PDB file of all heavy atoms in Angstrom:
ATOM      1  N   ILE A   1     -78.346  -1.778  -3.333  1.00  0.00           N
ATOM      2  CA  ILE A   1     -77.095  -2.360  -3.846  1.00  0.00           C
ATOM      3  C   ILE A   1     -76.238  -2.793  -2.719  1.00  0.00           C
ATOM      4  O   ILE A   1     -75.584  -3.856  -2.709  1.00  0.00           O
ATOM      5  CB  ILE A   1     -76.359  -1.293  -4.727  1.00  0.00           C
ATOM      6  CG1 ILE A   1     -77.089  -1.189  -6.026  1.00  0.00           C
ATOM      7  CG2 ILE A   1     -74.953  -1.634  -4.912  1.00  0.00           C
ATOM      8  CD1 ILE A   1     -76.531  -0.077  -6.903  1.00  0.00           C
ATOM      9  N   GLU A   2     -76.185  -1.962  -1.584  1.00  0.00           N
ATOM     10  CA  GLU A   2     -75.376  -2.310  -0.420  1.00  0.00           C
ATOM     11  C   GLU A   2     -75.932  -3.699   0.246  1.00  0.00           C
ATOM     12  O   GLU A   2     -75.196  -4.508   0.668  1.00  0.00           O
ATOM     13  CB  GLU A   2     -75.354  -1.185   0.535  1.00  0.00           C
ATOM     14  CG  GLU A   2     -74.577  -1.506   1.830  1.00  0.00           C
ATOM     15  CD  GLU A   2     -73.168  -1.905   1.576  1.00  0.00           C
ATOM     16  OE1 GLU A   2     -72.610  -1.432   0.578  1.00  0.00           O
ATOM     17  OE2 GLU A   2     -72.592  -2.786   2.498  1.00  0.00           O
ATOM     18  N   ARG A   3     -77.254  -3.756   0.272  1.00  0.00           N
ATOM     19  CA  ARG A   3     -77.867  -4.950   0.838  1.00  0.00           C
ATOM     20  C   ARG A   3     -77.515  -6.187  -0.054  1.00  0.00           C
ATOM     21  O   ARG A   3     -77.207  -7.261   0.487  1.00  0.00           O
ATOM     22  CB  ARG A   3     -79.393  -4.804   1.005  1.00  0.00           C
ATOM     23  CG  ARG A   3     -80.047  -5.926   1.768  1.00  0.00           C
ATOM     24  CD  ARG A   3     -79.715  -5.841   3.175  1.00  0.00           C
ATOM     25  NE  ARG A   3     -80.171  -4.683   3.910  1.00  0.00           N
ATOM     26  CZ  ARG A   3     -81.371  -4.383   4.238  1.00  0.00           C
ATOM     27  NH1 ARG A   3     -82.289  -5.262   4.068  1.00  0.00           N
ATOM     28  NH2 ARG A   3     -81.650  -3.242   4.929  1.00  0.00           N
ATOM     29  N   ALA A   4     -77.526  -6.018  -1.387  1.00  0.00           N
ATOM     30  CA  ALA A   4     -77.206  -7.102  -2.229  1.00  0.00           C
ATOM     31  C   ALA A   4     -75.677  -7.525  -2.082  1.00  0.00           C
ATOM     32  O   ALA A   4     -75.218  -8.618  -2.038  1.00  0.00           O
ATOM     33  CB  ALA A   4     -77.363  -6.716  -3.708  1.00  0.00           C
ATOM     34  N   ARG A   5     -74.792  -6.465  -1.884  1.00  0.00           N
ATOM     35  CA  ARG A   5     -73.435  -6.822  -1.631  1.00  0.00           C
ATOM     36  C   ARG A   5     -73.243  -7.494  -0.326  1.00  0.00           C
ATOM     37  O   ARG A   5     -72.422  -8.403  -0.391  1.00  0.00           O
ATOM     38  CB  ARG A   5     -72.552  -5.359  -1.626  1.00  0.00           C
ATOM     39  CG  ARG A   5     -72.344  -4.789  -3.051  1.00  0.00           C
ATOM     40  CD  ARG A   5     -71.647  -3.446  -2.863  1.00  0.00           C
ATOM     41  NE  ARG A   5     -71.493  -2.954  -4.207  1.00  0.00           N
ATOM     42  CZ  ARG A   5     -71.344  -1.562  -4.437  1.00  0.00           C
ATOM     43  NH1 ARG A   5     -71.387  -0.651  -3.404  1.00  0.00           N
ATOM     44  NH2 ARG A   5     -71.060  -1.037  -5.612  1.00  0.00           N
ATOM     45  N   GLN A   6     -73.929  -7.124   0.645  1.00  0.00           N
ATOM     46  CA  GLN A   6     -73.755  -7.801   1.930  1.00  0.00           C
ATOM     47  C   GLN A   6     -74.186  -9.260   1.863  1.00  0.00           C
ATOM     48  O   GLN A   6     -73.544 -10.209   2.249  1.00  0.00           O
ATOM     49  CB  GLN A   6     -74.680  -7.158   2.943  1.00  0.00           C
ATOM     50  CG  GLN A   6     -74.154  -5.867   3.391  1.00  0.00           C
ATOM     51  CD  GLN A   6     -75.151  -5.068   4.407  1.00  0.00           C
ATOM     52  OE1 GLN A   6     -76.095  -5.648   4.750  1.00  0.00           O
ATOM     53  NE2 GLN A   6     -74.910  -3.779   4.700  1.00  0.00           N
ATOM     54  N   ALA A   7     -75.357  -9.445   1.112  1.00  0.00           N
ATOM     55  CA  ALA A   7     -75.863 -10.824   0.834  1.00  0.00           C
ATOM     56  C   ALA A   7     -74.850 -11.633  -0.005  1.00  0.00           C
ATOM     57  O   ALA A   7     -74.519 -12.812   0.442  1.00  0.00           O
ATOM     58  CB  ALA A   7     -77.149 -10.740   0.063  1.00  0.00           C
ATOM     59  N   ALA A   8     -74.230 -11.141  -0.983  1.00  0.00           N
ATOM     60  CA  ALA A   8     -73.304 -11.866  -1.671  1.00  0.00           C
ATOM     61  C   ALA A   8     -72.070 -12.166  -0.935  1.00  0.00           C
ATOM     62  O   ALA A   8     -71.522 -13.348  -1.001  1.00  0.00           O
ATOM     63  CB  ALA A   8     -72.955 -11.001  -2.970  1.00  0.00           C
ATOM     64  N   SER A   9     -71.612 -11.280  -0.138  1.00  0.00           N
ATOM     65  CA  SER A   9     -70.482 -11.504   0.629  1.00  0.00           C
ATOM     66  C   SER A   9     -70.520 -12.538   1.695  1.00  0.00           C
ATOM     67  O   SER A   9     -69.475 -13.166   1.991  1.00  0.00           O
ATOM     68  CB  SER A   9     -69.909 -10.174   1.340  1.00  0.00           C
ATOM     69  OG  SER A   9     -70.830  -9.837   2.377  1.00  0.00           O
ATOM     70  N   ARG A  10     -71.766 -12.811   2.141  1.00  0.00           N
ATOM     71  CA  ARG A  10     -71.991 -13.878   3.013  1.00  0.00           C
ATOM     72  C   ARG A  10     -72.455 -15.062   2.553  1.00  0.00           C
ATOM     73  O   ARG A  10     -72.920 -16.000   3.264  1.00  0.00           O
ATOM     74  CB  ARG A  10     -72.870 -13.352   4.293  1.00  0.00           C
ATOM     75  CG  ARG A  10     -74.223 -12.818   3.867  1.00  0.00           C
ATOM     76  CD  ARG A  10     -74.978 -12.155   4.943  1.00  0.00           C
ATOM     77  NE  ARG A  10     -75.366 -13.145   5.908  1.00  0.00           N
ATOM     78  CZ  ARG A  10     -76.472 -13.870   5.833  1.00  0.00           C
ATOM     79  NH1 ARG A  10     -77.204 -13.776   4.665  1.00  0.00           N
ATOM     80  NH2 ARG A  10     -76.734 -14.725   6.769  1.00  0.00           N
ATOM     81  N   GLY A  11     -72.447 -15.194   1.238  1.00  0.00           N
ATOM     82  CA  GLY A  11     -72.722 -16.531   0.588  1.00  0.00           C
ATOM     83  C   GLY A  11     -74.246 -16.819   0.319  1.00  0.00           C
ATOM     84  O   GLY A  11     -74.628 -17.966   0.089  1.00  0.00           O
ATOM     85  N   ALA A  12     -75.085 -15.765   0.476  1.00  0.00           N
ATOM     86  CA  ALA A  12     -76.534 -15.880   0.276  1.00  0.00           C
ATOM     87  C   ALA A  12     -76.862 -16.389  -1.070  1.00  0.00           C
ATOM     88  O   ALA A  12     -76.293 -15.993  -2.123  1.00  0.00           O
ATOM     89  CB  ALA A  12     -77.306 -14.650   0.616  1.00  0.00           C
ATOM     90  N   THR A  13     -77.778 -17.309  -1.178  1.00  0.00           N
ATOM     91  CA  THR A  13     -78.189 -17.847  -2.569  1.00  0.00           C
ATOM     92  C   THR A  13     -79.527 -17.136  -2.894  1.00  0.00           C
ATOM     93  O   THR A  13     -79.965 -17.274  -4.082  1.00  0.00           O
ATOM     94  CB  THR A  13     -78.429 -19.254  -2.625  1.00  0.00           C
ATOM     95  OG1 THR A  13     -79.455 -19.601  -1.599  1.00  0.00           O
ATOM     96  CG2 THR A  13     -77.082 -20.106  -2.147  1.00  0.00           C
ATOM     97  N   GLU A  14     -80.135 -16.451  -1.954  1.00  0.00           N
ATOM     98  CA  GLU A  14     -81.557 -15.916  -2.245  1.00  0.00           C
ATOM     99  C   GLU A  14     -81.677 -14.657  -1.604  1.00  0.00           C
ATOM    100  O   GLU A  14     -81.217 -14.412  -0.429  1.00  0.00           O
ATOM    101  CB  GLU A  14     -82.595 -16.934  -1.704  1.00  0.00           C
ATOM    102  CG  GLU A  14     -83.934 -16.330  -1.743  1.00  0.00           C
ATOM    103  CD  GLU A  14     -85.053 -17.278  -0.941  1.00  0.00           C
ATOM    104  OE1 GLU A  14     -85.295 -18.385  -1.501  1.00  0.00           O
ATOM    105  OE2 GLU A  14     -85.392 -16.906   0.124  1.00  0.00           O
ATOM    106  N   MET A  15     -82.424 -13.681  -2.303  1.00  0.00           N
ATOM    107  CA  MET A  15     -82.953 -12.494  -1.587  1.00  0.00           C
ATOM    108  C   MET A  15     -84.469 -12.492  -1.713  1.00  0.00           C
ATOM    109  O   MET A  15     -85.036 -12.618  -2.728  1.00  0.00           O
ATOM    110  CB  MET A  15     -82.336 -11.185  -2.303  1.00  0.00           C
ATOM    111  CG  MET A  15     -80.827 -11.006  -1.987  1.00  0.00           C
ATOM    112  SD  MET A  15     -80.207  -9.374  -2.314  1.00  0.00           S
ATOM    113  CE  MET A  15     -80.860  -8.359  -1.037  1.00  0.00           C
ATOM    114  N   HIS A  16     -85.072 -12.324  -0.627  1.00  0.00           N
ATOM    115  CA  HIS A  16     -86.480 -12.482  -0.441  1.00  0.00           C
ATOM    116  C   HIS A  16     -87.076 -10.998  -0.326  1.00  0.00           C
ATOM    117  O   HIS A  16     -86.637 -10.348   0.601  1.00  0.00           O
ATOM    118  CB  HIS A  16     -86.919 -13.278   0.805  1.00  0.00           C
ATOM    119  CG  HIS A  16     -88.310 -13.373   1.024  1.00  0.00           C
ATOM    120  ND1 HIS A  16     -88.941 -14.755   1.108  1.00  0.00           N
ATOM    121  CD2 HIS A  16     -89.315 -12.618   1.401  1.00  0.00           C
ATOM    122  CE1 HIS A  16     -90.220 -14.530   1.391  1.00  0.00           C
ATOM    123  NE2 HIS A  16     -90.452 -13.211   1.539  1.00  0.00           N
ATOM    124  N   ILE A  17     -87.862 -10.567  -1.280  1.00  0.00           N
ATOM    125  CA  ILE A  17     -88.310  -9.169  -1.312  1.00  0.00           C
ATOM    126  C   ILE A  17     -89.874  -9.128  -1.136  1.00  0.00           C
ATOM    127  O   ILE A  17     -90.510  -9.491  -2.084  1.00  0.00           O
ATOM    128  CB  ILE A  17     -87.857  -8.404  -2.668  1.00  0.00           C
ATOM    129  CG1 ILE A  17     -86.388  -8.696  -2.919  1.00  0.00           C
ATOM    130  CG2 ILE A  17     -88.134  -6.971  -2.568  1.00  0.00           C
ATOM    131  CD1 ILE A  17     -85.890  -8.177  -4.302  1.00  0.00           C
ATOM    132  N   VAL A  18     -90.217  -8.408  -0.077  1.00  0.00           N
ATOM    133  CA  VAL A  18     -91.564  -8.040  -0.018  1.00  0.00           C
ATOM    134  C   VAL A  18     -91.720  -6.686   0.773  1.00  0.00           C
ATOM    135  O   VAL A  18     -90.731  -6.323   1.467  1.00  0.00           O
ATOM    136  CB  VAL A  18     -92.514  -9.058   0.734  1.00  0.00           C
ATOM    137  CG1 VAL A  18     -92.541 -10.393   0.108  1.00  0.00           C
ATOM    138  CG2 VAL A  18     -91.874  -9.327   2.197  1.00  0.00           C
ATOM    139  N   GLY A  19     -92.777  -5.997   0.559  1.00  0.00           N
ATOM    140  CA  GLY A  19     -92.911  -4.778   1.334  1.00  0.00           C
ATOM    141  C   GLY A  19     -94.252  -4.067   1.188  1.00  0.00           C
ATOM    142  O   GLY A  19     -95.144  -4.674   0.799  1.00  0.00           O
ATOM    143  N   GLY A  20     -94.317  -2.807   1.518  1.00  0.00           N
ATOM    144  CA  GLY A  20     -95.555  -1.983   1.460  1.00  0.00           C
ATOM    145  C   GLY A  20     -95.809  -1.604  -0.022  1.00  0.00           C
ATOM    146  O   GLY A  20     -94.961  -1.713  -0.837  1.00  0.00           O
ATOM    147  N   LEU A  21     -97.090  -1.191  -0.278  1.00  0.00           N
ATOM    148  CA  LEU A  21     -97.419  -0.667  -1.519  1.00  0.00           C
ATOM    149  C   LEU A  21     -97.523   0.848  -1.359  1.00  0.00           C
ATOM    150  O   LEU A  21     -98.678   1.297  -0.956  1.00  0.00           O
ATOM    151  CB  LEU A  21     -98.729  -1.323  -1.939  1.00  0.00           C
ATOM    152  CG  LEU A  21     -98.637  -2.831  -2.107  1.00  0.00           C
ATOM    153  CD1 LEU A  21    -100.033  -3.536  -2.103  1.00  0.00           C
ATOM    154  CD2 LEU A  21     -97.735  -3.141  -3.250  1.00  0.00           C
ATOM    155  N   HIS A  22     -96.503   1.470  -1.721  1.00  0.00           N
ATOM    156  CA  HIS A  22     -96.334   2.955  -1.574  1.00  0.00           C
ATOM    157  C   HIS A  22     -97.386   3.623  -2.436  1.00  0.00           C
ATOM    158  O   HIS A  22     -97.411   3.449  -3.644  1.00  0.00           O
ATOM    159  CB  HIS A  22     -94.855   3.350  -1.825  1.00  0.00           C
ATOM    160  CG  HIS A  22     -94.484   4.647  -1.314  1.00  0.00           C
ATOM    161  ND1 HIS A  22     -95.014   5.865  -1.801  1.00  0.00           N
ATOM    162  CD2 HIS A  22     -93.663   5.036  -0.345  1.00  0.00           C
ATOM    163  CE1 HIS A  22     -94.518   6.876  -1.074  1.00  0.00           C
ATOM    164  NE2 HIS A  22     -93.717   6.318  -0.159  1.00  0.00           N
ATOM    165  N   HIS A  23     -97.965   4.735  -1.897  1.00  0.00           N
ATOM    166  CA  HIS A  23     -98.899   5.522  -2.586  1.00  0.00           C
ATOM    167  C   HIS A  23     -98.318   6.181  -3.909  1.00  0.00           C
ATOM    168  O   HIS A  23     -99.011   6.307  -4.890  1.00  0.00           O
ATOM    169  CB  HIS A  23     -99.467   6.657  -1.762  1.00  0.00           C
ATOM    170  CG  HIS A  23    -100.048   6.146  -0.393  1.00  0.00           C
ATOM    171  ND1 HIS A  23     -99.316   5.441   0.455  1.00  0.00           N
ATOM    172  CD2 HIS A  23    -101.221   6.273   0.057  1.00  0.00           C
ATOM    173  CE1 HIS A  23     -99.984   5.116   1.550  1.00  0.00           C
ATOM    174  NE2 HIS A  23    -101.274   5.644   1.323  1.00  0.00           N
ATOM    175  N   LYS A  24     -97.008   6.590  -3.722  1.00  0.00           N
ATOM    176  CA  LYS A  24     -96.469   7.511  -4.782  1.00  0.00           C
ATOM    177  C   LYS A  24     -95.338   6.716  -5.646  1.00  0.00           C
ATOM    178  O   LYS A  24     -94.845   7.272  -6.628  1.00  0.00           O
ATOM    179  CB  LYS A  24     -95.835   8.734  -4.143  1.00  0.00           C
ATOM    180  CG  LYS A  24     -96.895   9.654  -3.561  1.00  0.00           C
ATOM    181  CD  LYS A  24     -96.368  11.018  -2.951  1.00  0.00           C
ATOM    182  CE  LYS A  24     -97.458  11.786  -2.480  1.00  0.00           C
ATOM    183  NZ  LYS A  24     -96.911  13.089  -1.998  1.00  0.00           N
ATOM    184  N   LEU A  25     -95.019   5.478  -5.354  1.00  0.00           N
ATOM    185  CA  LEU A  25     -94.003   4.801  -6.148  1.00  0.00           C
ATOM    186  C   LEU A  25     -94.749   4.165  -7.398  1.00  0.00           C
ATOM    187  O   LEU A  25     -95.793   3.599  -7.237  1.00  0.00           O
ATOM    188  CB  LEU A  25     -93.335   3.734  -5.257  1.00  0.00           C
ATOM    189  CG  LEU A  25     -92.312   4.262  -4.090  1.00  0.00           C
ATOM    190  CD1 LEU A  25     -91.872   3.109  -3.307  1.00  0.00           C
ATOM    191  CD2 LEU A  25     -91.284   5.127  -4.700  1.00  0.00           C
ATOM    192  N   LYS A  26     -93.959   4.125  -8.440  1.00  0.00           N
ATOM    193  CA  LYS A  26     -94.501   3.583  -9.652  1.00  0.00           C
ATOM    194  C   LYS A  26     -93.917   2.132  -9.788  1.00  0.00           C
ATOM    195  O   LYS A  26     -92.860   1.773  -9.172  1.00  0.00           O
ATOM    196  CB  LYS A  26     -94.034   4.416 -10.936  1.00  0.00           C
ATOM    197  CG  LYS A  26     -94.471   5.926 -10.853  1.00  0.00           C
ATOM    198  CD  LYS A  26     -95.937   5.996 -10.800  1.00  0.00           C
ATOM    199  CE  LYS A  26     -96.321   7.466 -10.781  1.00  0.00           C
ATOM    200  NZ  LYS A  26     -97.876   7.581 -10.591  1.00  0.00           N
ATOM    201  N   LEU A  27     -94.349   1.392 -10.770  1.00  0.00           N
ATOM    202  CA  LEU A  27     -93.904   0.081 -10.940  1.00  0.00           C
ATOM    203  C   LEU A  27     -92.414   0.037 -11.345  1.00  0.00           C
ATOM    204  O   LEU A  27     -91.659  -0.893 -10.875  1.00  0.00           O
ATOM    205  CB  LEU A  27     -94.702  -0.624 -12.125  1.00  0.00           C
ATOM    206  CG  LEU A  27     -94.226  -1.937 -12.660  1.00  0.00           C
ATOM    207  CD1 LEU A  27     -94.262  -3.017 -11.547  1.00  0.00           C
ATOM    208  CD2 LEU A  27     -95.013  -2.453 -13.835  1.00  0.00           C
ATOM    209  N   ASP A  28     -92.021   1.064 -11.983  1.00  0.00           N
ATOM    210  CA  ASP A  28     -90.496   1.088 -12.378  1.00  0.00           C
ATOM    211  C   ASP A  28     -89.563   1.012 -11.081  1.00  0.00           C
ATOM    212  O   ASP A  28     -88.598   0.379 -11.159  1.00  0.00           O
ATOM    213  CB  ASP A  28     -90.177   2.479 -13.040  1.00  0.00           C
ATOM    214  CG  ASP A  28     -90.757   2.446 -14.466  1.00  0.00           C
ATOM    215  OD1 ASP A  28     -91.186   1.363 -14.870  1.00  0.00           O
ATOM    216  OD2 ASP A  28     -90.647   3.527 -15.062  1.00  0.00           O
ATOM    217  N   TYR A  29     -89.985   1.616  -9.934  1.00  0.00           N
ATOM    218  CA  TYR A  29     -89.130   1.437  -8.794  1.00  0.00           C
ATOM    219  C   TYR A  29     -89.050   0.001  -8.342  1.00  0.00           C
ATOM    220  O   TYR A  29     -87.961  -0.479  -8.051  1.00  0.00           O
ATOM    221  CB  TYR A  29     -89.754   2.294  -7.584  1.00  0.00           C
ATOM    222  CG  TYR A  29     -89.133   1.935  -6.272  1.00  0.00           C
ATOM    223  CD1 TYR A  29     -87.872   2.560  -5.882  1.00  0.00           C
ATOM    224  CD2 TYR A  29     -89.747   1.121  -5.445  1.00  0.00           C
ATOM    225  CE1 TYR A  29     -87.253   2.254  -4.710  1.00  0.00           C
ATOM    226  CE2 TYR A  29     -89.132   0.840  -4.045  1.00  0.00           C
ATOM    227  CZ  TYR A  29     -87.909   1.386  -3.816  1.00  0.00           C
ATOM    228  OH  TYR A  29     -87.312   1.129  -2.597  1.00  0.00           O
ATOM    229  N   TYR A  30     -90.128  -0.722  -8.290  1.00  0.00           N
ATOM    230  CA  TYR A  30     -90.081  -2.147  -7.863  1.00  0.00           C
ATOM    231  C   TYR A  30     -89.327  -3.001  -8.894  1.00  0.00           C
ATOM    232  O   TYR A  30     -88.677  -4.005  -8.410  1.00  0.00           O
ATOM    233  CB  TYR A  30     -91.500  -2.642  -7.710  1.00  0.00           C
ATOM    234  CG  TYR A  30     -92.311  -1.931  -6.645  1.00  0.00           C
ATOM    235  CD1 TYR A  30     -93.107  -0.830  -6.873  1.00  0.00           C
ATOM    236  CD2 TYR A  30     -92.207  -2.300  -5.287  1.00  0.00           C
ATOM    237  CE1 TYR A  30     -93.796  -0.207  -5.871  1.00  0.00           C
ATOM    238  CE2 TYR A  30     -92.848  -1.516  -4.256  1.00  0.00           C
ATOM    239  CZ  TYR A  30     -93.620  -0.591  -4.542  1.00  0.00           C
ATOM    240  OH  TYR A  30     -94.354   0.091  -3.561  1.00  0.00           O
ATOM    241  N   ILE A  31     -89.466  -2.649 -10.165  1.00  0.00           N
ATOM    242  CA  ILE A  31     -88.611  -3.400 -11.168  1.00  0.00           C
ATOM    243  C   ILE A  31     -87.151  -3.086 -10.952  1.00  0.00           C
ATOM    244  O   ILE A  31     -86.313  -4.054 -10.997  1.00  0.00           O
ATOM    245  CB  ILE A  31     -89.079  -2.964 -12.568  1.00  0.00           C
ATOM    246  CG1 ILE A  31     -90.504  -3.586 -12.800  1.00  0.00           C
ATOM    247  CG2 ILE A  31     -88.132  -3.502 -13.728  1.00  0.00           C
ATOM    248  CD1 ILE A  31     -91.142  -3.153 -14.173  1.00  0.00           C
ATOM    249  N   ASP A  32     -86.794  -1.829 -10.673  1.00  0.00           N
ATOM    250  CA  ASP A  32     -85.445  -1.387 -10.467  1.00  0.00           C
ATOM    251  C   ASP A  32     -84.863  -2.126  -9.297  1.00  0.00           C
ATOM    252  O   ASP A  32     -83.611  -2.564  -9.303  1.00  0.00           O
ATOM    253  CB  ASP A  32     -85.399   0.129 -10.266  1.00  0.00           C
ATOM    254  CG  ASP A  32     -85.512   0.858 -11.570  1.00  0.00           C
ATOM    255  OD1 ASP A  32     -85.307   0.257 -12.702  1.00  0.00           O
ATOM    256  OD2 ASP A  32     -85.781   2.144 -11.570  1.00  0.00           O
ATOM    257  N   VAL A  33     -85.599  -2.300  -8.195  1.00  0.00           N
ATOM    258  CA  VAL A  33     -85.066  -3.024  -7.074  1.00  0.00           C
ATOM    259  C   VAL A  33     -84.494  -4.353  -7.504  1.00  0.00           C
ATOM    260  O   VAL A  33     -83.462  -4.778  -7.122  1.00  0.00           O
ATOM    261  CB  VAL A  33     -86.149  -3.235  -5.947  1.00  0.00           C
ATOM    262  CG1 VAL A  33     -85.673  -4.190  -4.839  1.00  0.00           C
ATOM    263  CG2 VAL A  33     -86.441  -1.859  -5.230  1.00  0.00           C
TER     264      VAL A  33
END
């Protein structure tokens, strides 16, 4: 949320999300992001 606030405050039009495939994280986490 803090990263999203920072992006909005500086006028970003896009957030680009990629990362690792964590052994213990479920799909719900990635959807929640």
